[in-house]
Amino acid sequence: MIRPILRAMKALGEKRSTVEFPEKRESLPDSYRGSLRLDMSTCISCRACEIICPNKTITMVDVLTDKGRKVMPQVGHERCLFCALCEEVCPPKCLTLSKDYSYEAYDKRELLKRPEELE
């Protein structure tokens, strides 16, 4: 009965061996599809990305810009399939897939990104 307690006490003093995140980022192939990015200045609010999304990841929300109110895509990265259909259908090519692959979040609501956060 005392042996497990002694082992636990010994483990408390040892150096941790788990690394939280790799220090060196991996090199990614050109075909890699990461998180979505939005160029708000060229978005024409056509809703094509919202319509084509097979998983209903993209929803349009009101955003206040220099030119007044516009509707722009809000992306829920927790549901995204990274299929790139939204990127293909976007007429001004303002919605693109980046090489970013960091999706750490304590709450899945943090993965819901408003248009301002996609820039």
PDB file of N, CA and C in Angstrom:
ATOM      1  N   MET A   1       0.818  -1.186   0.000  1.00  0.00           N
ATOM      2  CA  MET A   1       0.000   0.000   0.000  1.00  0.00           C
ATOM      3  C   MET A   1       0.868   1.259   0.000  1.00  0.00           C
ATOM      4  N   ILE A   2       1.994   1.210   0.642  1.00  0.00           N
ATOM      5  CA  ILE A   2       2.873   2.380   0.714  1.00  0.00           C
ATOM      6  C   ILE A   2       3.687   2.519  -0.574  1.00  0.00           C
ATOM      7  N   ARG A   3       3.940   1.406  -1.249  1.00  0.00           N
ATOM      8  CA  ARG A   3       4.758   1.426  -2.459  1.00  0.00           C
ATOM      9  C   ARG A   3       4.192   2.376  -3.537  1.00  0.00           C
ATOM     10  N   PRO A   4       2.892   2.350  -3.877  1.00  0.00           N
ATOM     11  CA  PRO A   4       2.361   3.281  -4.887  1.00  0.00           C
ATOM     12  C   PRO A   4       2.488   4.748  -4.463  1.00  0.00           C
ATOM     13  N   ILE A   5       2.323   5.017  -3.184  1.00  0.00           N
ATOM     14  CA  ILE A   5       2.441   6.388  -2.698  1.00  0.00           C
ATOM     15  C   ILE A   5       3.888   6.875  -2.831  1.00  0.00           C
ATOM     16  N   LEU A   6       4.849   5.997  -2.508  1.00  0.00           N
ATOM     17  CA  LEU A   6       6.262   6.365  -2.654  1.00  0.00           C
ATOM     18  C   LEU A   6       6.616   6.605  -4.124  1.00  0.00           C
ATOM     19  N   ARG A   7       6.077   5.770  -5.028  1.00  0.00           N
ATOM     20  CA  ARG A   7       6.325   5.947  -6.462  1.00  0.00           C
ATOM     21  C   ARG A   7       5.748   7.275  -6.957  1.00  0.00           C
ATOM     22  N   ALA A   8       4.573   7.630  -6.471  1.00  0.00           N
ATOM     23  CA  ALA A   8       3.945   8.894  -6.862  1.00  0.00           C
ATOM     24  C   ALA A   8       4.762  10.084  -6.353  1.00  0.00           C
ATOM     25  N   MET A   9       5.260   9.998  -5.128  1.00  0.00           N
ATOM     26  CA  MET A   9       6.075  11.069  -4.565  1.00  0.00           C
ATOM     27  C   MET A   9       7.378  11.234  -5.352  1.00  0.00           C
ATOM     28  N   LYS A  10       7.972  10.115  -5.780  1.00  0.00           N
ATOM     29  CA  LYS A  10       9.202  10.148  -6.557  1.00  0.00           C
ATOM     30  C   LYS A  10       8.936  10.796  -7.926  1.00  0.00           C
ATOM     31  N   ALA A  11       7.797  10.474  -8.537  1.00  0.00           N
ATOM     32  CA  ALA A  11       7.452  11.018  -9.857  1.00  0.00           C
ATOM     33  C   ALA A  11       7.242  12.523  -9.817  1.00  0.00           C
ATOM     34  N   LEU A  12       6.794  13.048  -8.691  1.00  0.00           N
ATOM     35  CA  LEU A  12       6.598  14.492  -8.565  1.00  0.00           C
ATOM     36  C   LEU A  12       7.904  15.268  -8.702  1.00  0.00           C
ATOM     37  N   GLY A  13       9.012  14.667  -8.306  1.00  0.00           N
ATOM     38  CA  GLY A  13      10.302  15.337  -8.363  1.00  0.00           C
ATOM     39  C   GLY A  13      11.014  15.178  -9.692  1.00  0.00           C
ATOM     40  N   GLU A  14      10.533  14.281 -10.566  1.00  0.00           N
ATOM     41  CA  GLU A  14      11.195  14.046 -11.847  1.00  0.00           C
ATOM     42  C   GLU A  14      10.822  15.109 -12.880  1.00  0.00           C
ATOM     43  N   LYS A  15      11.701  15.251 -13.859  1.00  0.00           N
ATOM     44  CA  LYS A  15      11.472  16.193 -14.953  1.00  0.00           C
ATOM     45  C   LYS A  15      10.360  15.641 -15.862  1.00  0.00           C
ATOM     46  N   ARG A  16       9.483  16.530 -16.295  1.00  0.00           N
ATOM     47  CA  ARG A  16       8.389  16.113 -17.175  1.00  0.00           C
ATOM     48  C   ARG A  16       8.928  15.780 -18.556  1.00  0.00           C
ATOM     49  N   SER A  17       8.332  14.779 -19.181  1.00  0.00           N
ATOM     50  CA  SER A  17       8.818  14.354 -20.492  1.00  0.00           C
ATOM     51  C   SER A  17       7.868  14.721 -21.623  1.00  0.00           C
ATOM     52  N   THR A  18       6.725  15.272 -21.327  1.00  0.00           N
ATOM     53  CA  THR A  18       5.762  15.635 -22.354  1.00  0.00           C
ATOM     54  C   THR A  18       6.063  17.028 -22.885  1.00  0.00           C
ATOM     55  N   VAL A  19       6.079  17.152 -24.202  1.00  0.00           N
ATOM     56  CA  VAL A  19       6.288  18.441 -24.842  1.00  0.00           C
ATOM     57  C   VAL A  19       4.931  18.953 -25.283  1.00  0.00           C
ATOM     58  N   GLU A  20       4.615  20.212 -24.945  1.00  0.00           N
ATOM     59  CA  GLU A  20       3.293  20.745 -25.251  1.00  0.00           C
ATOM     60  C   GLU A  20       3.076  20.996 -26.741  1.00  0.00           C
ATOM     61  N   PHE A  21       4.099  21.485 -27.429  1.00  0.00           N
ATOM     62  CA  PHE A  21       3.952  21.803 -28.843  1.00  0.00           C
ATOM     63  C   PHE A  21       5.328  21.696 -29.482  1.00  0.00           C
ATOM     64  N   PRO A  22       5.412  21.195 -30.680  1.00  0.00           N
ATOM     65  CA  PRO A  22       6.753  21.069 -31.275  1.00  0.00           C
ATOM     66  C   PRO A  22       7.426  22.424 -31.451  1.00  0.00           C
ATOM     67  N   GLU A  23       8.720  22.458 -31.160  1.00  0.00           N
ATOM     68  CA  GLU A  23       9.468  23.701 -31.276  1.00  0.00           C
ATOM     69  C   GLU A  23       9.676  24.084 -32.735  1.00  0.00           C
ATOM     70  N   LYS A  24       9.869  23.100 -33.582  1.00  0.00           N
ATOM     71  CA  LYS A  24      10.085  23.356 -35.004  1.00  0.00           C
ATOM     72  C   LYS A  24       8.838  22.921 -35.764  1.00  0.00           C
ATOM     73  N   ARG A  25       8.279  23.837 -36.551  1.00  0.00           N
ATOM     74  CA  ARG A  25       7.086  23.518 -37.318  1.00  0.00           C
ATOM     75  C   ARG A  25       7.461  22.660 -38.515  1.00  0.00           C
ATOM     76  N   GLU A  26       6.573  21.744 -38.850  1.00  0.00           N
ATOM     77  CA  GLU A  26       6.818  20.854 -39.973  1.00  0.00           C
ATOM     78  C   GLU A  26       6.724  21.603 -41.295  1.00  0.00           C
ATOM     79  N   SER A  27       7.478  21.139 -42.282  1.00  0.00           N
ATOM     80  CA  SER A  27       7.331  21.706 -43.622  1.00  0.00           C
ATOM     81  C   SER A  27       6.131  21.010 -44.267  1.00  0.00           C
ATOM     82  N   LEU A  28       5.312  21.797 -44.916  1.00  0.00           N
ATOM     83  CA  LEU A  28       4.060  21.278 -45.464  1.00  0.00           C
ATOM     84  C   LEU A  28       4.113  21.235 -46.976  1.00  0.00           C
ATOM     85  N   PRO A  29       3.452  20.268 -47.588  1.00  0.00           N
ATOM     86  CA  PRO A  29       3.417  20.224 -49.060  1.00  0.00           C
ATOM     87  C   PRO A  29       2.584  21.376 -49.616  1.00  0.00           C
ATOM     88  N   ASP A  30       2.786  21.694 -50.878  1.00  0.00           N
ATOM     89  CA  ASP A  30       2.048  22.786 -51.513  1.00  0.00           C
ATOM     90  C   ASP A  30       0.548  22.531 -51.525  1.00  0.00           C
ATOM     91  N   SER A  31       0.153  21.290 -51.514  1.00  0.00           N
ATOM     92  CA  SER A  31      -1.269  20.940 -51.574  1.00  0.00           C
ATOM     93  C   SER A  31      -1.959  20.970 -50.206  1.00  0.00           C
ATOM     94  N   TYR A  32      -1.227  21.319 -49.140  1.00  0.00           N
ATOM     95  CA  TYR A  32      -1.810  21.332 -47.795  1.00  0.00           C
ATOM     96  C   TYR A  32      -2.898  22.395 -47.687  1.00  0.00           C
ATOM     97  N   ARG A  33      -3.992  22.040 -47.033  1.00  0.00           N
ATOM     98  CA  ARG A  33      -5.105  22.954 -46.817  1.00  0.00           C
ATOM     99  C   ARG A  33      -5.276  23.205 -45.328  1.00  0.00           C
ATOM    100  N   GLY A  34      -5.005  24.433 -44.916  1.00  0.00           N
ATOM    101  CA  GLY A  34      -5.127  24.809 -43.514  1.00  0.00           C
ATOM    102  C   GLY A  34      -6.341  25.690 -43.286  1.00  0.00           C
ATOM    103  N   SER A  35      -6.263  26.535 -42.293  1.00  0.00           N
ATOM    104  CA  SER A  35      -7.407  27.371 -41.922  1.00  0.00           C
ATOM    105  C   SER A  35      -7.728  28.407 -43.001  1.00  0.00           C
ATOM    106  N   LEU A  36      -8.979  28.834 -43.016  1.00  0.00           N
ATOM    107  CA  LEU A  36      -9.441  29.799 -44.011  1.00  0.00           C
ATOM    108  C   LEU A  36      -9.016  31.212 -43.649  1.00  0.00           C
ATOM    109  N   ARG A  37      -8.699  32.000 -44.667  1.00  0.00           N
ATOM    110  CA  ARG A  37      -8.362  33.414 -44.534  1.00  0.00           C
ATOM    111  C   ARG A  37      -9.302  34.203 -45.425  1.00  0.00           C
ATOM    112  N   LEU A  38      -9.643  35.411 -44.991  1.00  0.00           N
ATOM    113  CA  LEU A  38     -10.574  36.259 -45.725  1.00  0.00           C
ATOM    114  C   LEU A  38      -9.968  37.641 -45.935  1.00  0.00           C
ATOM    115  N   ASP A  39     -10.032  38.119 -47.170  1.00  0.00           N
ATOM    116  CA  ASP A  39      -9.644  39.486 -47.481  1.00  0.00           C
ATOM    117  C   ASP A  39     -10.933  40.297 -47.498  1.00  0.00           C
ATOM    118  N   MET A  40     -11.209  40.995 -46.401  1.00  0.00           N
ATOM    119  CA  MET A  40     -12.478  41.708 -46.254  1.00  0.00           C
ATOM    120  C   MET A  40     -12.642  42.841 -47.262  1.00  0.00           C
ATOM    121  N   SER A  41     -11.553  43.389 -47.732  1.00  0.00           N
ATOM    122  CA  SER A  41     -11.652  44.519 -48.663  1.00  0.00           C
ATOM    123  C   SER A  41     -12.148  44.103 -50.046  1.00  0.00           C
ATOM    124  N   THR A  42     -11.976  42.830 -50.406  1.00  0.00           N
ATOM    125  CA  THR A  42     -12.420  42.389 -51.732  1.00  0.00           C
ATOM    126  C   THR A  42     -13.678  41.530 -51.709  1.00  0.00           C
ATOM    127  N   CYS A  43     -14.175  41.202 -50.525  1.00  0.00           N
ATOM    128  CA  CYS A  43     -15.388  40.384 -50.421  1.00  0.00           C
ATOM    129  C   CYS A  43     -16.589  41.163 -50.970  1.00  0.00           C
ATOM    130  N   ILE A  44     -17.375  40.505 -51.844  1.00  0.00           N
ATOM    131  CA  ILE A  44     -18.529  41.165 -52.460  1.00  0.00           C
ATOM    132  C   ILE A  44     -19.858  40.680 -51.883  1.00  0.00           C
ATOM    133  N   SER A  45     -19.823  39.933 -50.815  1.00  0.00           N
ATOM    134  CA  SER A  45     -21.021  39.438 -50.114  1.00  0.00           C
ATOM    135  C   SER A  45     -21.945  38.632 -51.018  1.00  0.00           C
ATOM    136  N   CYS A  46     -21.371  37.794 -51.857  1.00  0.00           N
ATOM    137  CA  CYS A  46     -22.177  37.048 -52.830  1.00  0.00           C
ATOM    138  C   CYS A  46     -22.824  35.788 -52.245  1.00  0.00           C
ATOM    139  N   ARG A  47     -22.364  35.329 -51.103  1.00  0.00           N
ATOM    140  CA  ARG A  47     -22.869  34.140 -50.418  1.00  0.00           C
ATOM    141  C   ARG A  47     -22.548  32.829 -51.125  1.00  0.00           C
ATOM    142  N   ALA A  48     -21.717  32.845 -52.137  1.00  0.00           N
ATOM    143  CA  ALA A  48     -21.377  31.619 -52.867  1.00  0.00           C
ATOM    144  C   ALA A  48     -20.694  30.606 -51.953  1.00  0.00           C
ATOM    145  N   CYS A  49     -19.828  31.077 -51.070  1.00  0.00           N
ATOM    146  CA  CYS A  49     -19.115  30.174 -50.153  1.00  0.00           C
ATOM    147  C   CYS A  49     -20.090  29.496 -49.192  1.00  0.00           C
ATOM    148  N   GLU A  50     -21.056  30.245 -48.711  1.00  0.00           N
ATOM    149  CA  GLU A  50     -22.051  29.690 -47.784  1.00  0.00           C
ATOM    150  C   GLU A  50     -22.910  28.638 -48.475  1.00  0.00           C
ATOM    151  N   ILE A  51     -23.281  28.897 -49.709  1.00  0.00           N
ATOM    152  CA  ILE A  51     -24.153  27.985 -50.463  1.00  0.00           C
ATOM    153  C   ILE A  51     -23.440  26.690 -50.810  1.00  0.00           C
ATOM    154  N   ILE A  52     -22.153  26.769 -51.196  1.00  0.00           N
ATOM    155  CA  ILE A  52     -21.423  25.591 -51.668  1.00  0.00           C
ATOM    156  C   ILE A  52     -20.913  24.702 -50.535  1.00  0.00           C
ATOM    157  N   CYS A  53     -20.779  25.231 -49.334  1.00  0.00           N
ATOM    158  CA  CYS A  53     -20.180  24.485 -48.217  1.00  0.00           C
ATOM    159  C   CYS A  53     -20.996  23.234 -47.894  1.00  0.00           C
ATOM    160  N   PRO A  54     -20.416  22.031 -48.065  1.00  0.00           N
ATOM    161  CA  PRO A  54     -21.162  20.798 -47.825  1.00  0.00           C
ATOM    162  C   PRO A  54     -21.486  20.525 -46.364  1.00  0.00           C
ATOM    163  N   ASN A  55     -20.718  21.103 -45.455  1.00  0.00           N
ATOM    164  CA  ASN A  55     -20.895  20.836 -44.026  1.00  0.00           C
ATOM    165  C   ASN A  55     -21.527  22.008 -43.282  1.00  0.00           C
ATOM    166  N   LYS A  56     -21.973  23.018 -44.018  1.00  0.00           N
ATOM    167  CA  LYS A  56     -22.589  24.224 -43.426  1.00  0.00           C
ATOM    168  C   LYS A  56     -21.670  24.863 -42.390  1.00  0.00           C
ATOM    169  N   THR A  57     -20.393  24.911 -42.725  1.00  0.00           N
ATOM    170  CA  THR A  57     -19.381  25.513 -41.865  1.00  0.00           C
ATOM    171  C   THR A  57     -19.427  27.027 -41.940  1.00  0.00           C
ATOM    172  N   ILE A  58     -19.786  27.545 -43.106  1.00  0.00           N
ATOM    173  CA  ILE A  58     -19.765  28.987 -43.348  1.00  0.00           C
ATOM    174  C   ILE A  58     -21.170  29.562 -43.214  1.00  0.00           C
ATOM    175  N   THR A  59     -21.285  30.597 -42.404  1.00  0.00           N
ATOM    176  CA  THR A  59     -22.540  31.349 -42.288  1.00  0.00           C
ATOM    177  C   THR A  59     -22.216  32.818 -42.502  1.00  0.00           C
ATOM    178  N   MET A  60     -23.156  33.539 -43.056  1.00  0.00           N
ATOM    179  CA  MET A  60     -22.934  34.955 -43.318  1.00  0.00           C
ATOM    180  C   MET A  60     -23.425  35.774 -42.125  1.00  0.00           C
ATOM    181  N   VAL A  61     -22.604  36.744 -41.709  1.00  0.00           N
ATOM    182  CA  VAL A  61     -22.940  37.616 -40.584  1.00  0.00           C
ATOM    183  C   VAL A  61     -22.742  39.074 -40.995  1.00  0.00           C
ATOM    184  N   ASP A  62     -23.438  39.968 -40.315  1.00  0.00           N
ATOM    185  CA  ASP A  62     -23.299  41.401 -40.578  1.00  0.00           C
ATOM    186  C   ASP A  62     -21.983  41.918 -40.006  1.00  0.00           C
ATOM    187  N   VAL A  63     -21.311  42.744 -40.805  1.00  0.00           N
ATOM    188  CA  VAL A  63     -20.050  43.345 -40.398  1.00  0.00           C
ATOM    189  C   VAL A  63     -20.086  44.815 -40.784  1.00  0.00           C
ATOM    190  N   LEU A  64     -19.612  45.662 -39.903  1.00  0.00           N
ATOM    191  CA  LEU A  64     -19.535  47.088 -40.182  1.00  0.00           C
ATOM    192  C   LEU A  64     -18.164  47.383 -40.795  1.00  0.00           C
ATOM    193  N   THR A  65     -18.148  47.899 -42.032  1.00  0.00           N
ATOM    194  CA  THR A  65     -16.898  48.221 -42.729  1.00  0.00           C
ATOM    195  C   THR A  65     -16.834  49.723 -42.993  1.00  0.00           C
ATOM    196  N   ASP A  66     -15.782  50.146 -43.672  1.00  0.00           N
ATOM    197  CA  ASP A  66     -15.625  51.555 -44.051  1.00  0.00           C
ATOM    198  C   ASP A  66     -16.745  52.013 -44.979  1.00  0.00           C
ATOM    199  N   LYS A  67     -17.259  51.071 -45.768  1.00  0.00           N
ATOM    200  CA  LYS A  67     -18.291  51.389 -46.757  1.00  0.00           C
ATOM    201  C   LYS A  67     -19.700  51.092 -46.254  1.00  0.00           C
ATOM    202  N   GLY A  68     -19.855  50.855 -44.977  1.00  0.00           N
ATOM    203  CA  GLY A  68     -21.170  50.556 -44.398  1.00  0.00           C
ATOM    204  C   GLY A  68     -21.285  49.097 -43.989  1.00  0.00           C
ATOM    205  N   ARG A  69     -22.512  48.651 -43.808  1.00  0.00           N
ATOM    206  CA  ARG A  69     -22.760  47.268 -43.394  1.00  0.00           C
ATOM    207  C   ARG A  69     -22.685  46.321 -44.586  1.00  0.00           C
ATOM    208  N   LYS A  70     -22.041  45.171 -44.367  1.00  0.00           N
ATOM    209  CA  LYS A  70     -21.956  44.118 -45.377  1.00  0.00           C
ATOM    210  C   LYS A  70     -22.145  42.784 -44.677  1.00  0.00           C
ATOM    211  N   VAL A  71     -22.519  41.776 -45.436  1.00  0.00           N
ATOM    212  CA  VAL A  71     -22.530  40.425 -44.882  1.00  0.00           C
ATOM    213  C   VAL A  71     -21.274  39.725 -45.376  1.00  0.00           C
ATOM    214  N   MET A  72     -20.607  39.054 -44.456  1.00  0.00           N
ATOM    215  CA  MET A  72     -19.364  38.360 -44.778  1.00  0.00           C
ATOM    216  C   MET A  72     -19.338  37.003 -44.091  1.00  0.00           C
ATOM    217  N   PRO A  73     -18.499  36.103 -44.594  1.00  0.00           N
ATOM    218  CA  PRO A  73     -18.477  34.745 -44.038  1.00  0.00           C
ATOM    219  C   PRO A  73     -17.867  34.644 -42.645  1.00  0.00           C
ATOM    220  N   GLN A  74     -18.540  33.881 -41.819  1.00  0.00           N
ATOM    221  CA  GLN A  74     -18.037  33.484 -40.495  1.00  0.00           C
ATOM    222  C   GLN A  74     -17.786  31.990 -40.607  1.00  0.00           C
ATOM    223  N   VAL A  75     -16.632  31.526 -40.146  1.00  0.00           N
ATOM    224  CA  VAL A  75     -16.237  30.136 -40.347  1.00  0.00           C
ATOM    225  C   VAL A  75     -16.109  29.412 -39.017  1.00  0.00           C
ATOM    226  N   GLY A  76     -16.732  28.254 -38.929  1.00  0.00           N
ATOM    227  CA  GLY A  76     -16.576  27.379 -37.773  1.00  0.00           C
ATOM    228  C   GLY A  76     -15.551  26.314 -38.109  1.00  0.00           C
ATOM    229  N   HIS A  77     -14.298  26.541 -37.735  1.00  0.00           N
ATOM    230  CA  HIS A  77     -13.222  25.611 -38.102  1.00  0.00           C
ATOM    231  C   HIS A  77     -13.413  24.221 -37.487  1.00  0.00           C
ATOM    232  N   GLU A  78     -14.214  24.113 -36.461  1.00  0.00           N
ATOM    233  CA  GLU A  78     -14.426  22.791 -35.847  1.00  0.00           C
ATOM    234  C   GLU A  78     -15.227  21.872 -36.769  1.00  0.00           C
ATOM    235  N   ARG A  79     -15.922  22.427 -37.746  1.00  0.00           N
ATOM    236  CA  ARG A  79     -16.739  21.629 -38.671  1.00  0.00           C
ATOM    237  C   ARG A  79     -16.151  21.553 -40.078  1.00  0.00           C
ATOM    238  N   CYS A  80     -15.125  22.353 -40.357  1.00  0.00           N
ATOM    239  CA  CYS A  80     -14.587  22.473 -41.713  1.00  0.00           C
ATOM    240  C   CYS A  80     -13.962  21.156 -42.186  1.00  0.00           C
ATOM    241  N   LEU A  81     -14.270  20.789 -43.422  1.00  0.00           N
ATOM    242  CA  LEU A  81     -13.713  19.582 -44.034  1.00  0.00           C
ATOM    243  C   LEU A  81     -12.453  19.887 -44.836  1.00  0.00           C
ATOM    244  N   PHE A  82     -12.119  21.164 -45.002  1.00  0.00           N
ATOM    245  CA  PHE A  82     -10.968  21.608 -45.778  1.00  0.00           C
ATOM    246  C   PHE A  82     -11.028  21.077 -47.211  1.00  0.00           C
ATOM    247  N   CYS A  83     -12.231  21.108 -47.771  1.00  0.00           N
ATOM    248  CA  CYS A  83     -12.460  20.601 -49.121  1.00  0.00           C
ATOM    249  C   CYS A  83     -12.094  21.626 -50.194  1.00  0.00           C
ATOM    250  N   ALA A  84     -11.975  22.901 -49.833  1.00  0.00           N
ATOM    251  CA  ALA A  84     -11.595  24.009 -50.714  1.00  0.00           C
ATOM    252  C   ALA A  84     -12.666  24.378 -51.734  1.00  0.00           C
ATOM    253  N   LEU A  85     -13.889  23.906 -51.570  1.00  0.00           N
ATOM    254  CA  LEU A  85     -14.964  24.305 -52.481  1.00  0.00           C
ATOM    255  C   LEU A  85     -15.258  25.797 -52.356  1.00  0.00           C
ATOM    256  N   CYS A  86     -15.199  26.321 -51.145  1.00  0.00           N
ATOM    257  CA  CYS A  86     -15.446  27.753 -50.933  1.00  0.00           C
ATOM    258  C   CYS A  86     -14.388  28.597 -51.641  1.00  0.00           C
ATOM    259  N   GLU A  87     -13.167  28.143 -51.615  1.00  0.00           N
ATOM    260  CA  GLU A  87     -12.082  28.859 -52.276  1.00  0.00           C
ATOM    261  C   GLU A  87     -12.264  28.844 -53.797  1.00  0.00           C
ATOM    262  N   GLU A  88     -12.692  27.713 -54.326  1.00  0.00           N
ATOM    263  CA  GLU A  88     -12.887  27.575 -55.770  1.00  0.00           C
ATOM    264  C   GLU A  88     -14.041  28.427 -56.294  1.00  0.00           C
ATOM    265  N   VAL A  89     -15.121  28.539 -55.519  1.00  0.00           N
ATOM    266  CA  VAL A  89     -16.327  29.218 -55.989  1.00  0.00           C
ATOM    267  C   VAL A  89     -16.300  30.726 -55.743  1.00  0.00           C
ATOM    268  N   CYS A  90     -15.390  31.217 -54.943  1.00  0.00           N
ATOM    269  CA  CYS A  90     -15.339  32.641 -54.589  1.00  0.00           C
ATOM    270  C   CYS A  90     -14.937  33.484 -55.809  1.00  0.00           C
ATOM    271  N   PRO A  91     -15.849  34.337 -56.328  1.00  0.00           N
ATOM    272  CA  PRO A  91     -15.530  35.118 -57.533  1.00  0.00           C
ATOM    273  C   PRO A  91     -14.322  36.046 -57.380  1.00  0.00           C
ATOM    274  N   PRO A  92     -14.211  36.845 -56.304  1.00  0.00           N
ATOM    275  CA  PRO A  92     -13.035  37.723 -56.197  1.00  0.00           C
ATOM    276  C   PRO A  92     -11.818  37.035 -55.566  1.00  0.00           C
ATOM    277  N   LYS A  93     -11.938  35.745 -55.252  1.00  0.00           N
ATOM    278  CA  LYS A  93     -10.850  34.979 -54.623  1.00  0.00           C
ATOM    279  C   LYS A  93     -10.397  35.594 -53.302  1.00  0.00           C
ATOM    280  N   CYS A  94     -11.345  36.081 -52.520  1.00  0.00           N
ATOM    281  CA  CYS A  94     -11.005  36.699 -51.231  1.00  0.00           C
ATOM    282  C   CYS A  94     -10.957  35.666 -50.099  1.00  0.00           C
ATOM    283  N   LEU A  95     -11.547  34.494 -50.309  1.00  0.00           N
ATOM    284  CA  LEU A  95     -11.524  33.426 -49.304  1.00  0.00           C
ATOM    285  C   LEU A  95     -10.515  32.374 -49.766  1.00  0.00           C
ATOM    286  N   THR A  96      -9.469  32.174 -48.984  1.00  0.00           N
ATOM    287  CA  THR A  96      -8.409  31.239 -49.365  1.00  0.00           C
ATOM    288  C   THR A  96      -8.031  30.353 -48.187  1.00  0.00           C
ATOM    289  N   LEU A  97      -7.488  29.200 -48.490  1.00  0.00           N
ATOM    290  CA  LEU A  97      -6.987  28.294 -47.462  1.00  0.00           C
ATOM    291  C   LEU A  97      -5.510  28.596 -47.234  1.00  0.00           C
ATOM    292  N   SER A  98      -5.128  28.753 -45.995  1.00  0.00           N
ATOM    293  CA  SER A  98      -3.734  29.068 -45.658  1.00  0.00           C
ATOM    294  C   SER A  98      -2.989  27.792 -45.291  1.00  0.00           C
ATOM    295  N   LYS A  99      -1.752  27.940 -44.876  1.00  0.00           N
ATOM    296  CA  LYS A  99      -0.940  26.810 -44.419  1.00  0.00           C
ATOM    297  C   LYS A  99      -0.969  26.672 -42.896  1.00  0.00           C
ATOM    298  N   ASP A 100      -1.781  27.472 -42.216  1.00  0.00           N
ATOM    299  CA  ASP A 100      -1.841  27.451 -40.757  1.00  0.00           C
ATOM    300  C   ASP A 100      -2.561  26.194 -40.275  1.00  0.00           C
ATOM    301  N   TYR A 101      -1.945  25.481 -39.350  1.00  0.00           N
ATOM    302  CA  TYR A 101      -2.569  24.272 -38.817  1.00  0.00           C
ATOM    303  C   TYR A 101      -2.671  24.274 -37.298  1.00  0.00           C
ATOM    304  N   SER A 102      -2.599  25.421 -36.680  1.00  0.00           N
ATOM    305  CA  SER A 102      -2.706  25.472 -35.228  1.00  0.00           C
ATOM    306  C   SER A 102      -4.170  25.694 -34.828  1.00  0.00           C
ATOM    307  N   TYR A 103      -4.752  24.669 -34.254  1.00  0.00           N
ATOM    308  CA  TYR A 103      -6.155  24.709 -33.847  1.00  0.00           C
ATOM    309  C   TYR A 103      -6.316  24.411 -32.366  1.00  0.00           C
ATOM    310  N   GLU A 104      -5.373  24.870 -31.551  1.00  0.00           N
ATOM    311  CA  GLU A 104      -5.498  24.615 -30.120  1.00  0.00           C
ATOM    312  C   GLU A 104      -6.583  25.508 -29.545  1.00  0.00           C
ATOM    313  N   ALA A 105      -7.461  24.904 -28.774  1.00  0.00           N
ATOM    314  CA  ALA A 105      -8.526  25.668 -28.123  1.00  0.00           C
ATOM    315  C   ALA A 105      -9.034  24.876 -26.929  1.00  0.00           C
ATOM    316  N   TYR A 106      -9.355  25.572 -25.873  1.00  0.00           N
ATOM    317  CA  TYR A 106      -9.932  24.921 -24.700  1.00  0.00           C
ATOM    318  C   TYR A 106     -11.432  24.734 -24.856  1.00  0.00           C
ATOM    319  N   ASP A 107     -12.027  25.562 -25.698  1.00  0.00           N
ATOM    320  CA  ASP A 107     -13.465  25.529 -25.912  1.00  0.00           C
ATOM    321  C   ASP A 107     -13.712  25.573 -27.415  1.00  0.00           C
ATOM    322  N   LYS A 108     -14.568  24.720 -27.938  1.00  0.00           N
ATOM    323  CA  LYS A 108     -14.777  24.678 -29.380  1.00  0.00           C
ATOM    324  C   LYS A 108     -15.380  25.969 -29.927  1.00  0.00           C
ATOM    325  N   ARG A 109     -15.966  26.785 -29.060  1.00  0.00           N
ATOM    326  CA  ARG A 109     -16.487  28.076 -29.513  1.00  0.00           C
ATOM    327  C   ARG A 109     -15.371  29.017 -29.951  1.00  0.00           C
ATOM    328  N   GLU A 110     -14.147  28.768 -29.487  1.00  0.00           N
ATOM    329  CA  GLU A 110     -12.994  29.571 -29.906  1.00  0.00           C
ATOM    330  C   GLU A 110     -12.635  29.308 -31.368  1.00  0.00           C
ATOM    331  N   LEU A 111     -13.101  28.211 -31.932  1.00  0.00           N
ATOM    332  CA  LEU A 111     -12.822  27.878 -33.324  1.00  0.00           C
ATOM    333  C   LEU A 111     -13.799  28.526 -34.294  1.00  0.00           C
ATOM    334  N   LEU A 112     -14.826  29.176 -33.775  1.00  0.00           N
ATOM    335  CA  LEU A 112     -15.773  29.929 -34.600  1.00  0.00           C
ATOM    336  C   LEU A 112     -15.177  31.318 -34.814  1.00  0.00           C
ATOM    337  N   LYS A 113     -14.791  31.601 -36.051  1.00  0.00           N
ATOM    338  CA  LYS A 113     -14.073  32.841 -36.357  1.00  0.00           C
ATOM    339  C   LYS A 113     -14.946  33.801 -37.157  1.00  0.00           C
ATOM    340  N   ARG A 114     -15.087  34.998 -36.621  1.00  0.00           N
ATOM    341  CA  ARG A 114     -15.803  36.075 -37.319  1.00  0.00           C
ATOM    342  C   ARG A 114     -14.931  36.582 -38.469  1.00  0.00           C
ATOM    343  N   PRO A 115     -15.518  37.296 -39.427  1.00  0.00           N
ATOM    344  CA  PRO A 115     -14.745  37.785 -40.567  1.00  0.00           C
ATOM    345  C   PRO A 115     -13.490  38.590 -40.173  1.00  0.00           C
ATOM    346  N   GLU A 116     -13.601  39.391 -39.118  1.00  0.00           N
ATOM    347  CA  GLU A 116     -12.463  40.189 -38.677  1.00  0.00           C
ATOM    348  C   GLU A 116     -11.295  39.315 -38.217  1.00  0.00           C
ATOM    349  N   GLU A 117     -11.604  38.145 -37.690  1.00  0.00           N
ATOM    350  CA  GLU A 117     -10.587  37.232 -37.176  1.00  0.00           C
ATOM    351  C   GLU A 117      -9.962  36.385 -38.288  1.00  0.00           C
ATOM    352  N   LEU A 118     -10.553  36.383 -39.459  1.00  0.00           N
ATOM    353  CA  LEU A 118     -10.061  35.580 -40.571  1.00  0.00           C
ATOM    354  C   LEU A 118      -9.015  36.303 -41.413  1.00  0.00           C
ATOM    355  N   GLU A 119      -8.783  37.569 -41.128  1.00  0.00           N
ATOM    356  CA  GLU A 119      -7.824  38.329 -41.949  1.00  0.00           C
ATOM    357  C   GLU A 119      -6.414  37.923 -41.654  1.00  0.00           C
TER     358      GLU A 119
END
